[in-house]
């Protein structure tokens, strides 16, 4: 997995781009499909209580082509907001936190999404 992250200090925004290996992307997609209702609980185990949790599955049109899209968003009790958009083999992440917190949450979230179903 390769991660590129950007922080705009005066905007209180950080952005991350994650490029997955084919097996990582496939595992995440498979797990999300099986875990839909458990995702919030699994993320709370590693991130703490979530004030808000959002999950949506659909598609996007980019350059005239259709791509699958999964949206995962959440807000922590300390008002940190994270928005993940998962595309084929990559993911973009946006937050209102510093870059260190963004990278920490990307790491914990991806590890959680790649876990085997319990």
PDB file of N, CA and C in Angstrom:
ATOM      1  N   UNK A   1       0.856  -1.171   0.000  1.00  0.00           N
ATOM      2  CA  UNK A   1       0.000   0.000   0.000  1.00  0.00           C
ATOM      3  C   UNK A   1       0.897   1.228   0.000  1.00  0.00           C
ATOM      4  N   UNK A   2       0.578   2.197  -0.852  1.00  0.00           N
ATOM      5  CA  UNK A   2       1.276   3.478  -0.873  1.00  0.00           C
ATOM      6  C   UNK A   2       0.294   4.553  -0.442  1.00  0.00           C
ATOM      7  N   UNK A   3       0.733   5.456   0.415  1.00  0.00           N
ATOM      8  CA  UNK A   3      -0.125   6.541   0.890  1.00  0.00           C
ATOM      9  C   UNK A   3       0.545   7.873   0.587  1.00  0.00           C
ATOM     10  N   UNK A   4      -0.204   8.792  -0.011  1.00  0.00           N
ATOM     11  CA  UNK A   4       0.230  10.174  -0.186  1.00  0.00           C
ATOM     12  C   UNK A   4      -0.740  11.021   0.614  1.00  0.00           C
ATOM     13  N   UNK A   5      -0.229  11.952   1.403  1.00  0.00           N
ATOM     14  CA  UNK A   5      -1.105  12.761   2.247  1.00  0.00           C
ATOM     15  C   UNK A   5      -0.680  14.215   2.168  1.00  0.00           C
ATOM     16  N   UNK A   6      -1.651  15.107   2.262  1.00  0.00           N
ATOM     17  CA  UNK A   6      -1.403  16.537   2.154  1.00  0.00           C
ATOM     18  C   UNK A   6      -2.131  17.249   3.281  1.00  0.00           C
ATOM     19  N   UNK A   7      -1.468  18.245   3.858  1.00  0.00           N
ATOM     20  CA  UNK A   7      -2.086  19.007   4.930  1.00  0.00           C
ATOM     21  C   UNK A   7      -2.060  20.485   4.560  1.00  0.00           C
ATOM     22  N   UNK A   8      -3.195  21.154   4.746  1.00  0.00           N
ATOM     23  CA  UNK A   8      -3.290  22.577   4.521  1.00  0.00           C
ATOM     24  C   UNK A   8      -3.568  23.204   5.883  1.00  0.00           C
ATOM     25  N   UNK A   9      -2.511  23.626   6.543  1.00  0.00           N
ATOM     26  CA  UNK A   9      -2.602  24.040   7.940  1.00  0.00           C
ATOM     27  C   UNK A   9      -3.593  25.173   8.182  1.00  0.00           C
ATOM     28  N   UNK A  10      -3.633  26.147   7.304  1.00  0.00           N
ATOM     29  CA  UNK A  10      -4.528  27.284   7.540  1.00  0.00           C
ATOM     30  C   UNK A  10      -5.979  26.971   7.187  1.00  0.00           C
ATOM     31  N   UNK A  11      -6.257  25.793   6.634  1.00  0.00           N
ATOM     32  CA  UNK A  11      -7.624  25.402   6.311  1.00  0.00           C
ATOM     33  C   UNK A  11      -8.172  24.340   7.255  1.00  0.00           C
ATOM     34  N   UNK A  12      -7.354  23.806   8.127  1.00  0.00           N
ATOM     35  CA  UNK A  12      -7.746  22.708   9.011  1.00  0.00           C
ATOM     36  C   UNK A  12      -8.285  21.530   8.213  1.00  0.00           C
ATOM     37  N   UNK A  13      -7.638  21.212   7.114  1.00  0.00           N
ATOM     38  CA  UNK A  13      -8.013  20.087   6.260  1.00  0.00           C
ATOM     39  C   UNK A  13      -6.776  19.287   5.922  1.00  0.00           C
ATOM     40  N   UNK A  14      -6.943  17.991   5.864  1.00  0.00           N
ATOM     41  CA  UNK A  14      -5.882  17.110   5.401  1.00  0.00           C
ATOM     42  C   UNK A  14      -6.496  16.143   4.398  1.00  0.00           C
ATOM     43  N   UNK A  15      -5.712  15.773   3.405  1.00  0.00           N
ATOM     44  CA  UNK A  15      -6.168  14.873   2.362  1.00  0.00           C
ATOM     45  C   UNK A  15      -5.191  13.726   2.224  1.00  0.00           C
ATOM     46  N   UNK A  16      -5.717  12.544   1.967  1.00  0.00           N
ATOM     47  CA  UNK A  16      -4.873  11.385   1.743  1.00  0.00           C
ATOM     48  C   UNK A  16      -5.338  10.620   0.519  1.00  0.00           C
ATOM     49  N   UNK A  17      -4.399  10.032  -0.176  1.00  0.00           N
ATOM     50  CA  UNK A  17      -4.697   9.166  -1.309  1.00  0.00           C
ATOM     51  C   UNK A  17      -3.996   7.840  -1.039  1.00  0.00           C
ATOM     52  N   UNK A  18      -4.762   6.762  -1.097  1.00  0.00           N
ATOM     53  CA  UNK A  18      -4.226   5.428  -0.829  1.00  0.00           C
ATOM     54  C   UNK A  18      -4.312   4.623  -2.119  1.00  0.00           C
ATOM     55  N   UNK A  19      -3.209   4.008  -2.504  1.00  0.00           N
ATOM     56  CA  UNK A  19      -3.194   3.110  -3.651  1.00  0.00           C
ATOM     57  C   UNK A  19      -3.058   1.686  -3.123  1.00  0.00           C
ATOM     58  N   UNK A  20      -4.012   0.833  -3.462  1.00  0.00           N
ATOM     59  CA  UNK A  20      -4.005  -0.542  -2.977  1.00  0.00           C
ATOM     60  C   UNK A  20      -3.372  -1.488  -3.979  1.00  0.00           C
ATOM     61  N   UNK A  21      -2.783  -2.536  -3.452  1.00  0.00           N
ATOM     62  CA  UNK A  21      -2.418  -3.677  -4.281  1.00  0.00           C
ATOM     63  C   UNK A  21      -3.733  -4.382  -4.599  1.00  0.00           C
ATOM     64  N   UNK A  22      -3.792  -5.135  -5.709  1.00  0.00           N
ATOM     65  CA  UNK A  22      -5.035  -5.789  -6.122  1.00  0.00           C
ATOM     66  C   UNK A  22      -5.609  -6.655  -5.007  1.00  0.00           C
ATOM     67  N   UNK A  23      -4.771  -7.427  -4.326  1.00  0.00           N
ATOM     68  CA  UNK A  23      -5.289  -8.311  -3.269  1.00  0.00           C
ATOM     69  C   UNK A  23      -5.821  -7.516  -2.077  1.00  0.00           C
ATOM     70  N   UNK A  24      -5.255  -6.362  -1.781  1.00  0.00           N
ATOM     71  CA  UNK A  24      -5.748  -5.536  -0.678  1.00  0.00           C
ATOM     72  C   UNK A  24      -7.134  -4.989  -1.004  1.00  0.00           C
ATOM     73  N   UNK A  25      -7.300  -4.451  -2.188  1.00  0.00           N
ATOM     74  CA  UNK A  25      -8.588  -3.898  -2.604  1.00  0.00           C
ATOM     75  C   UNK A  25      -9.670  -4.981  -2.593  1.00  0.00           C
ATOM     76  N   UNK A  26      -9.366  -6.136  -3.176  1.00  0.00           N
ATOM     77  CA  UNK A  26     -10.345  -7.226  -3.232  1.00  0.00           C
ATOM     78  C   UNK A  26     -10.751  -7.698  -1.838  1.00  0.00           C
ATOM     79  N   UNK A  27      -9.793  -7.762  -0.923  1.00  0.00           N
ATOM     80  CA  UNK A  27     -10.093  -8.192   0.444  1.00  0.00           C
ATOM     81  C   UNK A  27     -10.999  -7.176   1.145  1.00  0.00           C
ATOM     82  N   UNK A  28     -10.708  -5.902   0.963  1.00  0.00           N
ATOM     83  CA  UNK A  28     -11.525  -4.855   1.575  1.00  0.00           C
ATOM     84  C   UNK A  28     -12.944  -4.903   1.026  1.00  0.00           C
ATOM     85  N   UNK A  29     -13.092  -5.005  -0.282  1.00  0.00           N
ATOM     86  CA  UNK A  29     -14.418  -5.046  -0.901  1.00  0.00           C
ATOM     87  C   UNK A  29     -15.199  -6.264  -0.402  1.00  0.00           C
ATOM     88  N   UNK A  30     -14.545  -7.401  -0.328  1.00  0.00           N
ATOM     89  CA  UNK A  30     -15.198  -8.620   0.159  1.00  0.00           C
ATOM     90  C   UNK A  30     -15.643  -8.458   1.611  1.00  0.00           C
ATOM     91  N   UNK A  31     -14.759  -7.924   2.439  1.00  0.00           N
ATOM     92  CA  UNK A  31     -15.085  -7.746   3.857  1.00  0.00           C
ATOM     93  C   UNK A  31     -16.199  -6.719   4.064  1.00  0.00           C
ATOM     94  N   UNK A  32     -16.161  -5.626   3.337  1.00  0.00           N
ATOM     95  CA  UNK A  32     -17.207  -4.610   3.485  1.00  0.00           C
ATOM     96  C   UNK A  32     -18.561  -5.209   3.143  1.00  0.00           C
ATOM     97  N   UNK A  33     -18.604  -6.007   2.101  1.00  0.00           N
ATOM     98  CA  UNK A  33     -19.859  -6.638   1.714  1.00  0.00           C
ATOM     99  C   UNK A  33     -20.430  -7.529   2.796  1.00  0.00           C
ATOM    100  N   UNK A  34     -19.554  -8.219   3.541  1.00  0.00           N
ATOM    101  CA  UNK A  34     -20.005  -9.125   4.602  1.00  0.00           C
ATOM    102  C   UNK A  34     -20.271  -8.402   5.917  1.00  0.00           C
ATOM    103  N   UNK A  35     -19.595  -7.285   6.139  1.00  0.00           N
ATOM    104  CA  UNK A  35     -19.602  -6.657   7.464  1.00  0.00           C
ATOM    105  C   UNK A  35     -20.462  -5.410   7.581  1.00  0.00           C
ATOM    106  N   UNK A  36     -21.180  -5.027   6.557  1.00  0.00           N
ATOM    107  CA  UNK A  36     -21.901  -3.749   6.517  1.00  0.00           C
ATOM    108  C   UNK A  36     -22.392  -3.264   7.876  1.00  0.00           C
ATOM    109  N   UNK A  37     -23.216  -4.071   8.529  1.00  0.00           N
ATOM    110  CA  UNK A  37     -23.825  -3.647   9.793  1.00  0.00           C
ATOM    111  C   UNK A  37     -22.843  -3.629  10.962  1.00  0.00           C
ATOM    112  N   UNK A  38     -21.728  -4.327  10.837  1.00  0.00           N
ATOM    113  CA  UNK A  38     -20.756  -4.397  11.929  1.00  0.00           C
ATOM    114  C   UNK A  38     -19.622  -3.389  11.792  1.00  0.00           C
ATOM    115  N   UNK A  39     -19.547  -2.687  10.672  1.00  0.00           N
ATOM    116  CA  UNK A  39     -18.430  -1.772  10.442  1.00  0.00           C
ATOM    117  C   UNK A  39     -18.303  -0.717  11.535  1.00  0.00           C
ATOM    118  N   UNK A  40     -19.411  -0.108  11.924  1.00  0.00           N
ATOM    119  CA  UNK A  40     -19.356   0.933  12.961  1.00  0.00           C
ATOM    120  C   UNK A  40     -18.781   0.365  14.255  1.00  0.00           C
ATOM    121  N   UNK A  41     -19.277  -0.797  14.682  1.00  0.00           N
ATOM    122  CA  UNK A  41     -18.786  -1.407  15.919  1.00  0.00           C
ATOM    123  C   UNK A  41     -17.297  -1.745  15.820  1.00  0.00           C
ATOM    124  N   UNK A  42     -16.881  -2.275  14.671  1.00  0.00           N
ATOM    125  CA  UNK A  42     -15.471  -2.633  14.493  1.00  0.00           C
ATOM    126  C   UNK A  42     -14.577  -1.393  14.531  1.00  0.00           C
ATOM    127  N   UNK A  43     -15.019  -0.314  13.898  1.00  0.00           N
ATOM    128  CA  UNK A  43     -14.223   0.912  13.905  1.00  0.00           C
ATOM    129  C   UNK A  43     -14.183   1.535  15.296  1.00  0.00           C
ATOM    130  N   UNK A  44     -15.279   1.443  16.038  1.00  0.00           N
ATOM    131  CA  UNK A  44     -15.286   1.997  17.398  1.00  0.00           C
ATOM    132  C   UNK A  44     -14.315   1.258  18.315  1.00  0.00           C
ATOM    133  N   UNK A  45     -14.046   0.001  18.045  1.00  0.00           N
ATOM    134  CA  UNK A  45     -13.076  -0.738  18.856  1.00  0.00           C
ATOM    135  C   UNK A  45     -11.680  -0.141  18.754  1.00  0.00           C
ATOM    136  N   UNK A  46     -11.342   0.432  17.588  1.00  0.00           N
ATOM    137  CA  UNK A  46      -9.993   0.984  17.416  1.00  0.00           C
ATOM    138  C   UNK A  46      -9.950   2.514  17.463  1.00  0.00           C
ATOM    139  N   UNK A  47     -11.081   3.168  17.218  1.00  0.00           N
ATOM    140  CA  UNK A  47     -11.093   4.630  17.167  1.00  0.00           C
ATOM    141  C   UNK A  47     -11.838   5.286  18.327  1.00  0.00           C
ATOM    142  N   UNK A  48     -12.535   4.500  19.127  1.00  0.00           N
ATOM    143  CA  UNK A  48     -13.362   5.064  20.186  1.00  0.00           C
ATOM    144  C   UNK A  48     -14.765   5.335  19.676  1.00  0.00           C
ATOM    145  N   UNK A  49     -15.592   5.877  20.527  1.00  0.00           N
ATOM    146  CA  UNK A  49     -16.994   6.120  20.203  1.00  0.00           C
ATOM    147  C   UNK A  49     -17.133   7.063  19.005  1.00  0.00           C
ATOM    148  N   UNK A  50     -18.035   6.712  18.087  1.00  0.00           N
ATOM    149  CA  UNK A  50     -18.292   7.552  16.922  1.00  0.00           C
ATOM    150  C   UNK A  50     -19.644   8.248  17.095  1.00  0.00           C
ATOM    151  N   UNK A  51     -19.637   9.557  16.963  1.00  0.00           N
ATOM    152  CA  UNK A  51     -20.855  10.345  17.074  1.00  0.00           C
ATOM    153  C   UNK A  51     -21.743  10.145  15.849  1.00  0.00           C
ATOM    154  N   UNK A  52     -21.109   9.985  14.695  1.00  0.00           N
ATOM    155  CA  UNK A  52     -21.844   9.829  13.444  1.00  0.00           C
ATOM    156  C   UNK A  52     -21.114   8.792  12.591  1.00  0.00           C
ATOM    157  N   UNK A  53     -21.879   7.963  11.892  1.00  0.00           N
ATOM    158  CA  UNK A  53     -21.316   6.948  11.001  1.00  0.00           C
ATOM    159  C   UNK A  53     -22.135   6.911   9.719  1.00  0.00           C
ATOM    160  N   UNK A  54     -21.457   6.930   8.577  1.00  0.00           N
ATOM    161  CA  UNK A  54     -22.130   6.909   7.279  1.00  0.00           C
ATOM    162  C   UNK A  54     -21.501   5.830   6.408  1.00  0.00           C
ATOM    163  N   UNK A  55     -22.352   5.111   5.683  1.00  0.00           N
ATOM    164  CA  UNK A  55     -21.889   4.090   4.745  1.00  0.00           C
ATOM    165  C   UNK A  55     -22.815   4.126   3.533  1.00  0.00           C
ATOM    166  N   UNK A  56     -22.241   4.170   2.348  1.00  0.00           N
ATOM    167  CA  UNK A  56     -23.043   4.161   1.129  1.00  0.00           C
ATOM    168  C   UNK A  56     -22.258   3.449   0.034  1.00  0.00           C
ATOM    169  N   UNK A  57     -22.988   2.780  -0.825  1.00  0.00           N
ATOM    170  CA  UNK A  57     -22.372   2.067  -1.939  1.00  0.00           C
ATOM    171  C   UNK A  57     -23.085   2.492  -3.212  1.00  0.00           C
ATOM    172  N   UNK A  58     -22.314   2.774  -4.239  1.00  0.00           N
ATOM    173  CA  UNK A  58     -22.909   3.198  -5.500  1.00  0.00           C
ATOM    174  C   UNK A  58     -21.873   3.209  -6.604  1.00  0.00           C
ATOM    175  N   UNK A  59     -21.893   4.276  -7.390  1.00  0.00           N
ATOM    176  CA  UNK A  59     -20.938   4.402  -8.476  1.00  0.00           C
ATOM    177  C   UNK A  59     -20.624   5.864  -8.700  1.00  0.00           C
ATOM    178  N   UNK A  60     -19.555   6.098  -9.459  1.00  0.00           N
ATOM    179  CA  UNK A  60     -19.219   7.448  -9.885  1.00  0.00           C
ATOM    180  C   UNK A  60     -18.944   7.391 -11.375  1.00  0.00           C
ATOM    181  N   UNK A  61     -19.098   8.519 -12.022  1.00  0.00           N
ATOM    182  CA  UNK A  61     -18.775   8.631 -13.438  1.00  0.00           C
ATOM    183  C   UNK A  61     -17.602   9.600 -13.536  1.00  0.00           C
ATOM    184  N   UNK A  62     -16.524   9.117 -14.092  1.00  0.00           N
ATOM    185  CA  UNK A  62     -15.308   9.930 -14.232  1.00  0.00           C
ATOM    186  C   UNK A  62     -14.794   9.740 -15.648  1.00  0.00           C
ATOM    187  N   UNK A  63     -14.630  10.819 -16.363  1.00  0.00           N
ATOM    188  CA  UNK A  63     -14.153  10.721 -17.733  1.00  0.00           C
ATOM    189  C   UNK A  63     -15.082   9.906 -18.621  1.00  0.00           C
ATOM    190  N   UNK A  64     -16.371   9.942 -18.313  1.00  0.00           N
ATOM    191  CA  UNK A  64     -17.342   9.210 -19.105  1.00  0.00           C
ATOM    192  C   UNK A  64     -17.435   7.730 -18.781  1.00  0.00           C
ATOM    193  N   UNK A  65     -16.658   7.259 -17.804  1.00  0.00           N
ATOM    194  CA  UNK A  65     -16.686   5.846 -17.425  1.00  0.00           C
ATOM    195  C   UNK A  65     -17.293   5.684 -16.041  1.00  0.00           C
ATOM    196  N   UNK A  66     -18.001   4.564 -15.842  1.00  0.00           N
ATOM    197  CA  UNK A  66     -18.594   4.227 -14.538  1.00  0.00           C
ATOM    198  C   UNK A  66     -17.603   3.425 -13.710  1.00  0.00           C
ATOM    199  N   UNK A  67     -17.503   3.772 -12.428  1.00  0.00           N
ATOM    200  CA  UNK A  67     -16.648   3.059 -11.487  1.00  0.00           C
ATOM    201  C   UNK A  67     -17.445   2.791 -10.216  1.00  0.00           C
ATOM    202  N   UNK A  68     -17.162   1.665  -9.579  1.00  0.00           N
ATOM    203  CA  UNK A  68     -17.806   1.406  -8.289  1.00  0.00           C
ATOM    204  C   UNK A  68     -17.268   2.400  -7.264  1.00  0.00           C
ATOM    205  N   UNK A  69     -18.088   2.702  -6.268  1.00  0.00           N
ATOM    206  CA  UNK A  69     -17.720   3.673  -5.240  1.00  0.00           C
ATOM    207  C   UNK A  69     -18.337   3.248  -3.913  1.00  0.00           C
ATOM    208  N   UNK A  70     -17.531   3.248  -2.882  1.00  0.00           N
ATOM    209  CA  UNK A  70     -18.031   3.042  -1.522  1.00  0.00           C
ATOM    210  C   UNK A  70     -17.624   4.267  -0.715  1.00  0.00           C
ATOM    211  N   UNK A  71     -18.590   4.834  -0.016  1.00  0.00           N
ATOM    212  CA  UNK A  71     -18.344   5.995   0.831  1.00  0.00           C
ATOM    213  C   UNK A  71     -18.460   5.555   2.286  1.00  0.00           C
ATOM    214  N   UNK A  72     -17.484   5.946   3.073  1.00  0.00           N
ATOM    215  CA  UNK A  72     -17.481   5.656   4.496  1.00  0.00           C
ATOM    216  C   UNK A  72     -17.103   6.946   5.198  1.00  0.00           C
ATOM    217  N   UNK A  73     -17.967   7.447   6.063  1.00  0.00           N
ATOM    218  CA  UNK A  73     -17.692   8.677   6.778  1.00  0.00           C
ATOM    219  C   UNK A  73     -18.032   8.529   8.246  1.00  0.00           C
ATOM    220  N   UNK A  74     -17.286   9.218   9.081  1.00  0.00           N
ATOM    221  CA  UNK A  74     -17.601   9.187  10.509  1.00  0.00           C
ATOM    222  C   UNK A  74     -17.052  10.411  11.209  1.00  0.00           C
ATOM    223  N   UNK A  75     -17.660  10.696  12.371  1.00  0.00           N
ATOM    224  CA  UNK A  75     -17.225  11.789  13.233  1.00  0.00           C
ATOM    225  C   UNK A  75     -16.958  11.215  14.604  1.00  0.00           C
ATOM    226  N   UNK A  76     -15.804  11.561  15.173  1.00  0.00           N
ATOM    227  CA  UNK A  76     -15.449  11.070  16.499  1.00  0.00           C
ATOM    228  C   UNK A  76     -16.040  11.992  17.567  1.00  0.00           C
ATOM    229  N   UNK A  77     -15.981  11.553  18.798  1.00  0.00           N
ATOM    230  CA  UNK A  77     -16.521  12.355  19.908  1.00  0.00           C
ATOM    231  C   UNK A  77     -15.760  13.669  20.100  1.00  0.00           C
ATOM    232  N   UNK A  78     -14.521  13.753  19.600  1.00  0.00           N
ATOM    233  CA  UNK A  78     -13.768  15.002  19.722  1.00  0.00           C
ATOM    234  C   UNK A  78     -13.872  15.857  18.449  1.00  0.00           C
ATOM    235  N   UNK A  79     -14.960  15.642  17.675  1.00  0.00           N
ATOM    236  CA  UNK A  79     -15.305  16.448  16.503  1.00  0.00           C
ATOM    237  C   UNK A  79     -14.383  16.286  15.295  1.00  0.00           C
ATOM    238  N   UNK A  80     -13.597  15.232  15.260  1.00  0.00           N
ATOM    239  CA  UNK A  80     -12.790  14.950  14.073  1.00  0.00           C
ATOM    240  C   UNK A  80     -13.694  14.268  13.043  1.00  0.00           C
ATOM    241  N   UNK A  81     -13.649  14.755  11.818  1.00  0.00           N
ATOM    242  CA  UNK A  81     -14.504  14.235  10.750  1.00  0.00           C
ATOM    243  C   UNK A  81     -13.626  13.616   9.664  1.00  0.00           C
ATOM    244  N   UNK A  82     -13.982  12.407   9.237  1.00  0.00           N
ATOM    245  CA  UNK A  82     -13.244  11.688   8.214  1.00  0.00           C
ATOM    246  C   UNK A  82     -14.199  11.216   7.129  1.00  0.00           C
ATOM    247  N   UNK A  83     -13.806  11.393   5.870  1.00  0.00           N
ATOM    248  CA  UNK A  83     -14.603  10.933   4.732  1.00  0.00           C
ATOM    249  C   UNK A  83     -13.708  10.096   3.825  1.00  0.00           C
ATOM    250  N   UNK A  84     -14.073   8.821   3.654  1.00  0.00           N
ATOM    251  CA  UNK A  84     -13.321   7.890   2.819  1.00  0.00           C
ATOM    252  C   UNK A  84     -14.134   7.599   1.563  1.00  0.00           C
ATOM    253  N   UNK A  85     -13.528   7.717   0.403  1.00  0.00           N
ATOM    254  CA  UNK A  85     -14.150   7.305  -0.853  1.00  0.00           C
ATOM    255  C   UNK A  85     -13.275   6.204  -1.444  1.00  0.00           C
ATOM    256  N   UNK A  86     -13.849   5.021  -1.542  1.00  0.00           N
ATOM    257  CA  UNK A  86     -13.117   3.841  -2.003  1.00  0.00           C
ATOM    258  C   UNK A  86     -13.487   3.555  -3.451  1.00  0.00           C
ATOM    259  N   UNK A  87     -12.488   3.601  -4.318  1.00  0.00           N
ATOM    260  CA  UNK A  87     -12.646   3.334  -5.744  1.00  0.00           C
ATOM    261  C   UNK A  87     -11.880   2.052  -6.074  1.00  0.00           C
ATOM    262  N   UNK A  88     -12.021   1.540  -7.295  1.00  0.00           N
ATOM    263  CA  UNK A  88     -11.216   0.363  -7.663  1.00  0.00           C
ATOM    264  C   UNK A  88      -9.719   0.650  -7.486  1.00  0.00           C
ATOM    265  N   UNK A  89      -9.118  -0.063  -6.566  1.00  0.00           N
ATOM    266  CA  UNK A  89      -7.680  -0.040  -6.287  1.00  0.00           C
ATOM    267  C   UNK A  89      -7.135   1.242  -5.655  1.00  0.00           C
ATOM    268  N   UNK A  90      -8.005   2.154  -5.232  1.00  0.00           N
ATOM    269  CA  UNK A  90      -7.514   3.349  -4.551  1.00  0.00           C
ATOM    270  C   UNK A  90      -8.597   3.923  -3.640  1.00  0.00           C
ATOM    271  N   UNK A  91      -8.187   4.871  -2.820  1.00  0.00           N
ATOM    272  CA  UNK A  91      -9.115   5.484  -1.874  1.00  0.00           C
ATOM    273  C   UNK A  91      -8.642   6.911  -1.614  1.00  0.00           C
ATOM    274  N   UNK A  92      -9.585   7.837  -1.528  1.00  0.00           N
ATOM    275  CA  UNK A  92      -9.250   9.189  -1.101  1.00  0.00           C
ATOM    276  C   UNK A  92      -9.853   9.402   0.280  1.00  0.00           C
ATOM    277  N   UNK A  93      -9.152  10.183   1.089  1.00  0.00           N
ATOM    278  CA  UNK A  93      -9.596  10.444   2.458  1.00  0.00           C
ATOM    279  C   UNK A  93      -9.432  11.927   2.734  1.00  0.00           C
ATOM    280  N   UNK A  94     -10.432  12.498   3.375  1.00  0.00           N
ATOM    281  CA  UNK A  94     -10.406  13.909   3.743  1.00  0.00           C
ATOM    282  C   UNK A  94     -10.761  14.012   5.215  1.00  0.00           C
ATOM    283  N   UNK A  95     -10.084  14.914   5.925  1.00  0.00           N
ATOM    284  CA  UNK A  95     -10.414  15.114   7.339  1.00  0.00           C
ATOM    285  C   UNK A  95     -10.208  16.564   7.730  1.00  0.00           C
ATOM    286  N   UNK A  96     -10.745  16.899   8.892  1.00  0.00           N
ATOM    287  CA  UNK A  96     -10.536  18.233   9.455  1.00  0.00           C
ATOM    288  C   UNK A  96      -9.476  18.174  10.561  1.00  0.00           C
ATOM    289  N   UNK A  97      -8.541  17.240  10.419  1.00  0.00           N
ATOM    290  CA  UNK A  97      -7.486  17.035  11.419  1.00  0.00           C
ATOM    291  C   UNK A  97      -6.121  17.333  10.813  1.00  0.00           C
ATOM    292  N   UNK A  98      -5.091  17.224  11.635  1.00  0.00           N
ATOM    293  CA  UNK A  98      -3.741  17.383  11.117  1.00  0.00           C
ATOM    294  C   UNK A  98      -3.325  16.103  10.373  1.00  0.00           C
ATOM    295  N   UNK A  99      -2.239  16.179   9.682  1.00  0.00           N
ATOM    296  CA  UNK A  99      -1.810  15.071   8.836  1.00  0.00           C
ATOM    297  C   UNK A  99      -1.442  13.824   9.648  1.00  0.00           C
ATOM    298  N   UNK A 100      -0.893  14.013  10.838  1.00  0.00           N
ATOM    299  CA  UNK A 100      -0.542  12.868  11.678  1.00  0.00           C
ATOM    300  C   UNK A 100      -1.767  12.070  12.085  1.00  0.00           C
ATOM    301  N   UNK A 101      -2.826  12.770  12.472  1.00  0.00           N
ATOM    302  CA  UNK A 101      -4.076  12.097  12.855  1.00  0.00           C
ATOM    303  C   UNK A 101      -4.718  11.435  11.637  1.00  0.00           C
ATOM    304  N   UNK A 102      -4.673  12.106  10.505  1.00  0.00           N
ATOM    305  CA  UNK A 102      -5.210  11.515   9.274  1.00  0.00           C
ATOM    306  C   UNK A 102      -4.506  10.195   8.955  1.00  0.00           C
ATOM    307  N   UNK A 103      -3.190  10.183   8.991  1.00  0.00           N
ATOM    308  CA  UNK A 103      -2.440   8.955   8.695  1.00  0.00           C
ATOM    309  C   UNK A 103      -2.744   7.852   9.703  1.00  0.00           C
ATOM    310  N   UNK A 104      -2.880   8.211  10.980  1.00  0.00           N
ATOM    311  CA  UNK A 104      -3.201   7.227  12.019  1.00  0.00           C
ATOM    312  C   UNK A 104      -4.564   6.587  11.749  1.00  0.00           C
ATOM    313  N   UNK A 105      -5.550   7.408  11.408  1.00  0.00           N
ATOM    314  CA  UNK A 105      -6.901   6.899  11.171  1.00  0.00           C
ATOM    315  C   UNK A 105      -6.969   6.100   9.867  1.00  0.00           C
ATOM    316  N   UNK A 106      -6.243   6.528   8.832  1.00  0.00           N
ATOM    317  CA  UNK A 106      -6.183   5.727   7.603  1.00  0.00           C
ATOM    318  C   UNK A 106      -5.643   4.342   7.922  1.00  0.00           C
ATOM    319  N   UNK A 107      -4.543   4.282   8.651  1.00  0.00           N
ATOM    320  CA  UNK A 107      -3.916   3.001   8.989  1.00  0.00           C
ATOM    321  C   UNK A 107      -4.871   2.102   9.778  1.00  0.00           C
ATOM    322  N   UNK A 108      -5.490   2.648  10.823  1.00  0.00           N
ATOM    323  CA  UNK A 108      -6.402   1.856  11.654  1.00  0.00           C
ATOM    324  C   UNK A 108      -7.640   1.419  10.868  1.00  0.00           C
ATOM    325  N   UNK A 109      -8.158   2.295  10.022  1.00  0.00           N
ATOM    326  CA  UNK A 109      -9.356   1.969   9.253  1.00  0.00           C
ATOM    327  C   UNK A 109      -9.066   0.886   8.217  1.00  0.00           C
ATOM    328  N   UNK A 110      -7.967   1.024   7.489  1.00  0.00           N
ATOM    329  CA  UNK A 110      -7.622   0.010   6.479  1.00  0.00           C
ATOM    330  C   UNK A 110      -7.357  -1.334   7.151  1.00  0.00           C
ATOM    331  N   UNK A 111      -6.633  -1.336   8.257  1.00  0.00           N
ATOM    332  CA  UNK A 111      -6.389  -2.594   8.971  1.00  0.00           C
ATOM    333  C   UNK A 111      -7.708  -3.225   9.433  1.00  0.00           C
ATOM    334  N   UNK A 112      -8.634  -2.397   9.883  1.00  0.00           N
ATOM    335  CA  UNK A 112      -9.942  -2.899  10.317  1.00  0.00           C
ATOM    336  C   UNK A 112     -10.718  -3.476   9.139  1.00  0.00           C
ATOM    337  N   UNK A 113     -10.701  -2.786   8.016  1.00  0.00           N
ATOM    338  CA  UNK A 113     -11.437  -3.244   6.835  1.00  0.00           C
ATOM    339  C   UNK A 113     -10.839  -4.504   6.222  1.00  0.00           C
ATOM    340  N   UNK A 114      -9.566  -4.770   6.503  1.00  0.00           N
ATOM    341  CA  UNK A 114      -8.922  -5.961   5.934  1.00  0.00           C
ATOM    342  C   UNK A 114      -8.990  -7.170   6.856  1.00  0.00           C
ATOM    343  N   UNK A 115      -9.519  -6.973   8.067  1.00  0.00           N
ATOM    344  CA  UNK A 115      -9.634  -8.086   9.025  1.00  0.00           C
ATOM    345  C   UNK A 115     -10.564  -9.150   8.500  1.00  0.00           C
ATOM    346  N   UNK A 116     -10.263 -10.392   8.867  1.00  0.00           N
ATOM    347  CA  UNK A 116     -11.149 -11.500   8.543  1.00  0.00           C
ATOM    348  C   UNK A 116     -12.415 -11.383   9.371  1.00  0.00           C
ATOM    349  N   UNK A 117     -13.536 -11.822   8.820  1.00  0.00           N
ATOM    350  CA  UNK A 117     -14.804 -11.803   9.540  1.00  0.00           C
ATOM    351  C   UNK A 117     -14.714 -12.719  10.748  1.00  0.00           C
ATOM    352  N   UNK A 118     -15.156 -12.213  11.890  1.00  0.00           N
ATOM    353  CA  UNK A 118     -15.094 -13.004  13.129  1.00  0.00           C
ATOM    354  C   UNK A 118     -16.371 -13.756  13.365  1.00  0.00           C
TER     355      UNK A 118
END
